[in-house]
Amino acid sequence: MRVRSFVVPLAGVLLLHLLAPPCAEARRKRSRKPGRNAPVPALTRDGRPNVLARSAIVVDLRSGDELYVRNADEVRAIASLSKLLAVMAVLDANVPLEATTTITEEDKKIARGGAKSRLLVGMTFTNRDLVHAALLASDNRSIPAMGRGAGMTPAELTAAMNKKAQNLGLEHTRFEDPTGLNPGNVSTAREQVKALKAALGYPLIAAISRKAQHDVTVVDGKSRGLKIRMFNTDRVARAGSQRVLGGKTGYNDIARYCLVIAAKVAGREVAMAFLGNEGKLTRFGDFHRVSQWLAQQQKTAAGPAAPRAVP
């Protein structure tokens, strides 16, 4: 009986190999590879909050106790967290909130390099609405316009911010411009909590910074009567699921993603600062992971519930 030889071309062998199901060892290796969107555990192995920010601090606002600290004195760029000091400086200068200010080409120039603004050159707003735009939408054009409403040039506003920081005892906080676009605007997590605490002493800042949204109105110019909806860049405040007392977000290429926020969590009022996060949402994730940790601590401190009496 004659036996025929059977030859599979090399290309066919390669194709069969590619189409074949992976062996068990290969499947095990793939299963060990973490997914790109794998959830971040709320706690570390030692039971601490799994904070991903380069620098962070959590402070009890009533007692002053520092509940969590990570590189809290590291001097870092703070981006638009600077706007808290800018607004405080403008309010200290007694800016007439119901007076109006028009967006100029100079405002556009100062804001160049930042996020796109919806406050167009020639539009006129009340100074109150400019404060809303600064704190909610973190609009960069609103800052020099707001300062001008208070009678200050951008350089004078920056100087007023530095003086305010000095008066608050913020030794490592300094500003090179009023918007936060300049990476020379620096501070520490510990000092940003102090700055937020001072900012919340201004009823207007506290009320605005915890809003989910606000419509600013063009009061003069070609777009008179137009309402521009500003959403809070702080997603915790915008979601409304937590009792936020106030806060501010920030971002530039050097500072990365930042957040300073005060909220009532697990029955206590706390302030948190997260500087140098590598993801837009990670700073909010840090907030929620700390919140879970605080809730667990409260539950542990309360101890097991008393057994119900059986009638």
Protein backbone atom coordinates (compact mmCIF):
# COMPACT_ATOMS: atom_id res chain seq x y z
CA MET A 1 0.00 0.00 0.00
CA ARG A 2 1.40 3.34 -0.96
CA VAL A 3 1.39 6.14 1.63
CA ARG A 4 1.21 9.73 0.48
CA SER A 5 3.26 12.35 2.27
CA PHE A 6 1.32 15.37 3.55
CA VAL A 7 3.13 18.69 3.66
CA VAL A 8 1.64 21.82 5.22
CA PRO A 9 3.14 25.04 3.84
CA LEU A 10 4.95 27.23 6.38
CA ALA A 11 2.39 30.01 5.98
CA GLY A 12 -0.35 27.52 6.81
CA VAL A 13 1.42 26.39 9.97
CA LEU A 14 1.70 29.97 11.14
CA LEU A 15 -1.96 30.58 10.41
CA LEU A 16 -3.01 27.49 12.36
CA HIS A 17 -0.85 28.64 15.28
CA LEU A 18 -2.45 32.08 15.32
CA LEU A 19 -5.97 30.68 15.15
CA ALA A 20 -5.42 28.01 17.79
CA PRO A 21 -6.78 28.76 21.31
CA PRO A 22 -4.11 29.86 23.82
CA CYS A 23 -2.61 27.18 25.99
CA ALA A 24 -3.40 27.09 29.71
CA GLU A 25 -0.10 28.75 30.63
CA ALA A 26 -0.79 31.64 28.24
CA ARG A 27 -4.29 32.04 29.67
CA ARG A 28 -2.86 32.20 33.21
CA LYS A 29 -0.39 34.89 32.19
CA ARG A 30 -3.13 36.97 30.57
CA SER A 31 -5.35 36.67 33.63
CA ARG A 32 -2.56 38.06 35.81
CA LYS A 33 -2.24 41.19 33.68
CA PRO A 34 -4.25 44.04 35.30
CA GLY A 35 -6.91 45.68 33.19
CA ARG A 36 -6.40 49.27 32.11
CA ASN A 37 -9.62 50.28 33.83
CA ALA A 38 -9.27 48.02 36.87
CA PRO A 39 -10.91 49.60 39.94
CA VAL A 40 -8.56 51.13 42.49
CA PRO A 41 -8.98 49.57 45.96
CA ALA A 42 -10.31 52.04 48.52
CA LEU A 43 -7.76 51.00 51.14
CA THR A 44 -4.16 49.88 51.14
CA ARG A 45 -3.11 46.59 52.74
CA ASP A 46 -2.41 48.37 56.03
CA GLY A 47 -5.92 49.87 56.08
CA ARG A 48 -4.99 53.40 55.01
CA PRO A 49 -6.87 55.31 52.28
CA ASN A 50 -5.42 54.46 48.89
CA VAL A 51 -4.59 58.02 47.88
CA LEU A 52 -2.89 58.36 44.48
CA ALA A 53 -2.02 62.08 44.64
CA ARG A 54 1.66 62.95 44.96
CA SER A 55 0.85 65.22 47.89
CA ALA A 56 -2.23 65.10 50.12
CA ILE A 57 -3.68 65.95 53.50
CA VAL A 58 -7.00 65.46 55.29
CA VAL A 59 -7.82 67.74 58.22
CA ASP A 60 -10.72 67.77 60.69
CA LEU A 61 -11.99 71.35 60.43
CA ARG A 62 -13.34 71.47 63.98
CA SER A 63 -10.46 69.95 65.92
CA GLY A 64 -7.64 70.77 63.52
CA ASP A 65 -6.43 67.16 63.72
CA GLU A 66 -4.56 65.90 60.67
CA LEU A 67 -6.24 62.61 59.81
CA TYR A 68 -4.10 61.69 56.81
CA VAL A 69 -0.81 63.13 55.54
CA ARG A 70 1.27 62.35 52.46
CA ASN A 71 4.10 64.68 51.41
CA ALA A 72 1.93 67.52 52.71
CA ASP A 73 4.80 70.03 52.82
CA GLU A 74 6.11 69.32 49.32
CA VAL A 75 6.06 72.58 47.33
CA ARG A 76 4.20 72.01 44.07
CA ALA A 77 2.51 73.99 41.31
CA ILE A 78 -1.18 74.49 42.12
CA ALA A 79 -2.66 75.77 38.83
CA SER A 80 -6.21 77.14 39.24
CA LEU A 81 -6.33 76.56 42.98
CA SER A 82 -4.74 80.04 42.76
CA LYS A 83 -8.16 81.45 41.94
CA LEU A 84 -9.26 81.08 45.57
CA LEU A 85 -6.66 83.68 46.56
CA ALA A 86 -7.55 85.83 43.53
CA VAL A 87 -11.21 85.97 44.55
CA MET A 88 -10.32 86.67 48.19
CA ALA A 89 -8.05 89.54 47.10
CA VAL A 90 -10.79 91.02 44.90
CA LEU A 91 -13.40 90.78 47.65
CA ASP A 92 -10.94 92.34 50.11
CA ALA A 93 -10.68 95.24 47.67
CA ASN A 94 -14.47 95.68 47.95
CA VAL A 95 -15.24 95.00 44.30
CA PRO A 96 -18.74 96.34 43.54
CA LEU A 97 -20.48 93.04 42.79
CA GLU A 98 -23.45 94.51 40.92
CA ALA A 99 -21.28 96.80 38.77
CA THR A 100 -20.32 95.56 35.31
CA THR A 101 -17.04 94.78 33.56
CA THR A 102 -16.40 94.08 29.87
CA ILE A 103 -14.11 91.31 28.61
CA THR A 104 -11.21 92.83 26.64
CA GLU A 105 -8.49 91.68 24.25
CA GLU A 106 -6.05 92.01 27.15
CA ASP A 107 -8.11 89.53 29.18
CA LYS A 108 -7.97 87.14 26.22
CA LYS A 109 -4.20 87.57 25.97
CA ILE A 110 -3.66 86.89 29.68
CA ALA A 111 -5.79 83.75 29.49
CA ARG A 112 -4.00 82.39 26.42
CA GLY A 113 -2.81 78.83 26.84
CA GLY A 114 -5.60 77.85 29.19
CA ALA A 115 -8.94 76.13 28.64
CA LYS A 116 -11.30 77.63 26.08
CA SER A 117 -13.36 80.50 27.46
CA ARG A 118 -16.99 81.25 26.71
CA LEU A 119 -16.58 84.83 27.93
CA LEU A 120 -15.99 86.49 24.58
CA VAL A 121 -14.31 89.83 23.99
CA GLY A 122 -16.93 92.59 24.09
CA MET A 123 -19.31 90.73 26.42
CA THR A 124 -20.19 92.55 29.64
CA PHE A 125 -21.02 90.82 32.93
CA THR A 126 -21.69 91.80 36.50
CA ASN A 127 -18.69 91.32 38.75
CA ARG A 128 -20.78 88.85 40.75
CA ASP A 129 -21.13 86.69 37.64
CA LEU A 130 -17.40 86.98 36.96
CA VAL A 131 -16.77 85.56 40.45
CA HIS A 132 -19.10 82.68 39.55
CA ALA A 133 -17.18 82.08 36.32
CA ALA A 134 -13.88 82.06 38.22
CA LEU A 135 -14.92 79.65 40.96
CA LEU A 136 -17.26 77.32 39.05
CA ALA A 137 -15.91 77.09 35.50
CA SER A 138 -12.38 78.18 36.46
CA ASP A 139 -12.55 80.63 33.54
CA ASN A 140 -9.21 82.39 33.09
CA ARG A 141 -10.58 85.50 31.37
CA SER A 142 -12.80 86.20 34.36
CA ILE A 143 -9.79 86.76 36.63
CA PRO A 144 -8.18 89.85 35.05
CA ALA A 145 -11.66 91.23 34.29
CA MET A 146 -12.72 90.73 37.90
CA GLY A 147 -9.51 92.36 39.10
CA ARG A 148 -10.12 95.33 36.81
CA GLY A 149 -13.59 95.63 38.33
CA ALA A 150 -11.85 96.03 41.68
CA GLY A 151 -9.48 98.65 40.24
CA MET A 152 -6.41 96.38 39.93
CA THR A 153 -4.16 95.51 37.04
CA PRO A 154 -3.14 91.82 36.71
CA ALA A 155 0.22 92.65 38.32
CA GLU A 156 -1.50 94.45 41.20
CA LEU A 157 -3.90 91.55 41.67
CA THR A 158 -0.98 89.10 41.79
CA ALA A 159 0.72 91.30 44.39
CA ALA A 160 -2.49 91.40 46.44
CA MET A 161 -2.68 87.59 46.29
CA ASN A 162 0.88 87.26 47.58
CA LYS A 163 0.15 89.71 50.38
CA LYS A 164 -2.99 87.77 51.31
CA ALA A 165 -1.01 84.53 51.41
CA GLN A 166 1.56 86.18 53.65
CA ASN A 167 -1.15 87.47 55.98
CA LEU A 168 -2.60 83.95 56.21
CA GLY A 169 0.79 82.57 57.19
CA LEU A 170 1.22 80.59 53.97
CA GLU A 171 5.01 80.62 53.93
CA HIS A 172 5.46 78.36 50.91
CA THR A 173 2.69 79.86 48.76
CA ARG A 174 3.55 82.36 46.06
CA PHE A 175 2.02 83.60 42.83
CA GLU A 176 3.48 84.73 39.52
CA ASP A 177 0.16 85.42 37.81
CA PRO A 178 -3.47 85.69 38.97
CA THR A 179 -4.97 82.83 36.91
CA GLY A 180 -2.80 79.83 37.78
CA LEU A 181 -1.59 79.29 34.22
CA ASN A 182 1.94 80.16 35.34
CA PRO A 183 3.65 77.08 36.87
CA GLY A 184 5.41 79.49 39.23
CA ASN A 185 2.21 79.58 41.28
CA VAL A 186 3.13 77.12 44.03
CA SER A 187 2.01 75.96 47.46
CA THR A 188 1.73 72.83 49.57
CA ALA A 189 -1.20 70.55 50.37
CA ARG A 190 -1.13 71.68 54.00
CA GLU A 191 -1.21 75.36 53.03
CA GLN A 192 -3.97 74.84 50.48
CA VAL A 193 -6.21 73.47 53.22
CA LYS A 194 -5.45 76.63 55.21
CA ALA A 195 -6.26 78.76 52.17
CA LEU A 196 -9.55 76.94 51.63
CA LYS A 197 -10.49 77.35 55.27
CA ALA A 198 -9.88 81.10 54.94
CA ALA A 199 -11.83 81.24 51.67
CA LEU A 200 -14.85 79.55 53.24
CA GLY A 201 -14.92 82.42 55.72
CA TYR A 202 -16.23 84.52 52.81
CA PRO A 203 -19.95 83.67 52.51
CA LEU A 204 -19.97 84.42 48.76
CA ILE A 205 -17.06 82.02 48.04
CA ALA A 206 -18.60 79.29 50.17
CA ALA A 207 -22.01 79.67 48.49
CA ILE A 208 -20.67 79.72 44.93
CA SER A 209 -18.02 77.00 45.19
CA ARG A 210 -20.51 74.38 46.33
CA LYS A 211 -23.04 75.06 43.56
CA ALA A 212 -23.50 72.50 40.80
CA GLN A 213 -24.05 75.17 38.13
CA HIS A 214 -24.93 78.80 37.51
CA ASP A 215 -26.10 80.84 34.51
CA VAL A 216 -24.06 84.00 33.93
CA THR A 217 -25.85 86.65 31.89
CA VAL A 218 -24.42 88.96 29.25
CA VAL A 219 -25.74 92.35 30.33
CA ASP A 220 -24.41 94.43 27.43
CA GLY A 221 -22.92 94.03 23.96
CA LYS A 222 -24.09 92.15 20.86
CA SER A 223 -25.10 89.12 22.94
CA ARG A 224 -27.08 91.07 25.51
CA GLY A 225 -29.47 88.81 27.42
CA LEU A 226 -27.58 85.63 26.53
CA LYS A 227 -27.27 83.21 29.43
CA ILE A 228 -24.13 81.06 29.61
CA ARG A 229 -24.42 78.01 31.84
CA MET A 230 -21.33 77.40 33.99
CA PHE A 231 -20.88 73.93 35.49
CA ASN A 232 -18.74 73.32 38.55
CA THR A 233 -15.44 71.68 37.61
CA ASP A 234 -15.57 69.99 41.03
CA ARG A 235 -17.44 66.80 40.16
CA VAL A 236 -18.16 66.02 43.81
CA ALA A 237 -20.05 69.30 44.23
CA ARG A 238 -21.68 68.88 40.82
CA ALA A 239 -22.96 65.39 41.60
CA GLY A 240 -24.69 66.56 44.77
CA SER A 241 -24.29 63.19 46.51
CA GLN A 242 -22.04 64.64 49.23
CA ARG A 243 -22.54 67.66 51.46
CA VAL A 244 -19.79 69.83 50.01
CA LEU A 245 -18.85 72.98 51.92
CA GLY A 246 -16.68 74.42 49.14
CA GLY A 247 -13.58 73.82 47.10
CA LYS A 248 -11.65 74.33 43.88
CA THR A 249 -10.04 72.29 41.13
CA GLY A 250 -6.87 73.01 39.19
CA TYR A 251 -4.83 71.75 36.27
CA ASN A 252 -1.82 72.66 34.17
CA ASP A 253 0.88 70.52 32.61
CA ILE A 254 3.25 71.00 35.56
CA ALA A 255 0.76 70.89 38.45
CA ARG A 256 -1.21 68.01 36.91
CA TYR A 257 -4.70 67.50 38.40
CA CYS A 258 -5.39 69.13 41.76
CA LEU A 259 -8.33 69.40 44.15
CA VAL A 260 -8.94 71.15 47.44
CA ILE A 261 -12.33 70.45 48.97
CA ALA A 262 -14.21 70.68 52.26
CA ALA A 263 -17.19 68.46 52.97
CA LYS A 264 -19.16 66.80 55.72
CA VAL A 265 -18.12 63.15 55.62
CA ALA A 266 -19.14 60.42 58.05
CA GLY A 267 -20.48 62.98 60.50
CA ARG A 268 -17.40 65.23 60.59
CA GLU A 269 -16.42 68.33 58.65
CA VAL A 270 -13.11 67.75 56.89
CA ALA A 271 -10.93 69.54 54.37
CA MET A 272 -8.82 67.62 51.87
CA ALA A 273 -6.11 68.66 49.43
CA PHE A 274 -4.83 66.45 46.62
CA LEU A 275 -1.97 67.77 44.49
CA GLY A 276 -0.28 66.12 41.52
CA ASN A 277 -2.80 63.51 40.43
CA GLU A 278 -2.12 61.91 37.06
CA GLY A 279 -5.72 61.48 36.00
CA LYS A 280 -8.56 63.97 35.60
CA LEU A 281 -10.90 61.81 37.66
CA THR A 282 -8.30 60.41 40.06
CA ARG A 283 -8.47 63.43 42.38
CA PHE A 284 -12.20 62.79 42.84
CA GLY A 285 -11.44 59.11 43.32
CA ASP A 286 -9.03 60.11 46.09
CA PHE A 287 -11.84 62.07 47.74
CA HIS A 288 -14.21 59.10 47.62
CA ARG A 289 -11.56 56.65 48.86
CA VAL A 290 -10.80 58.90 51.84
CA SER A 291 -14.55 59.22 52.46
CA GLN A 292 -14.91 55.42 52.55
CA TRP A 293 -11.98 55.21 54.97
CA LEU A 294 -13.54 57.83 57.27
CA ALA A 295 -16.88 56.01 57.19
CA GLN A 296 -15.17 52.75 58.08
CA GLN A 297 -13.33 54.42 60.95
CA GLN A 298 -16.60 55.81 62.27
CA LYS A 299 -18.21 52.39 62.04
CA THR A 300 -15.28 50.76 63.86
CA ALA A 301 -15.32 53.41 66.59
CA ALA A 302 -19.05 52.92 67.11
CA GLY A 303 -18.52 49.18 67.69
CA PRO A 304 -21.08 46.45 67.09
CA ALA A 305 -24.73 47.43 67.28
CA ALA A 306 -26.51 46.52 70.49
CA PRO A 307 -28.73 43.42 70.15
CA ARG A 308 -32.42 44.04 69.84
CA ALA A 309 -34.57 43.14 72.80
CA VAL A 310 -36.95 40.29 72.06
CA PRO A 311 -40.42 40.94 73.48
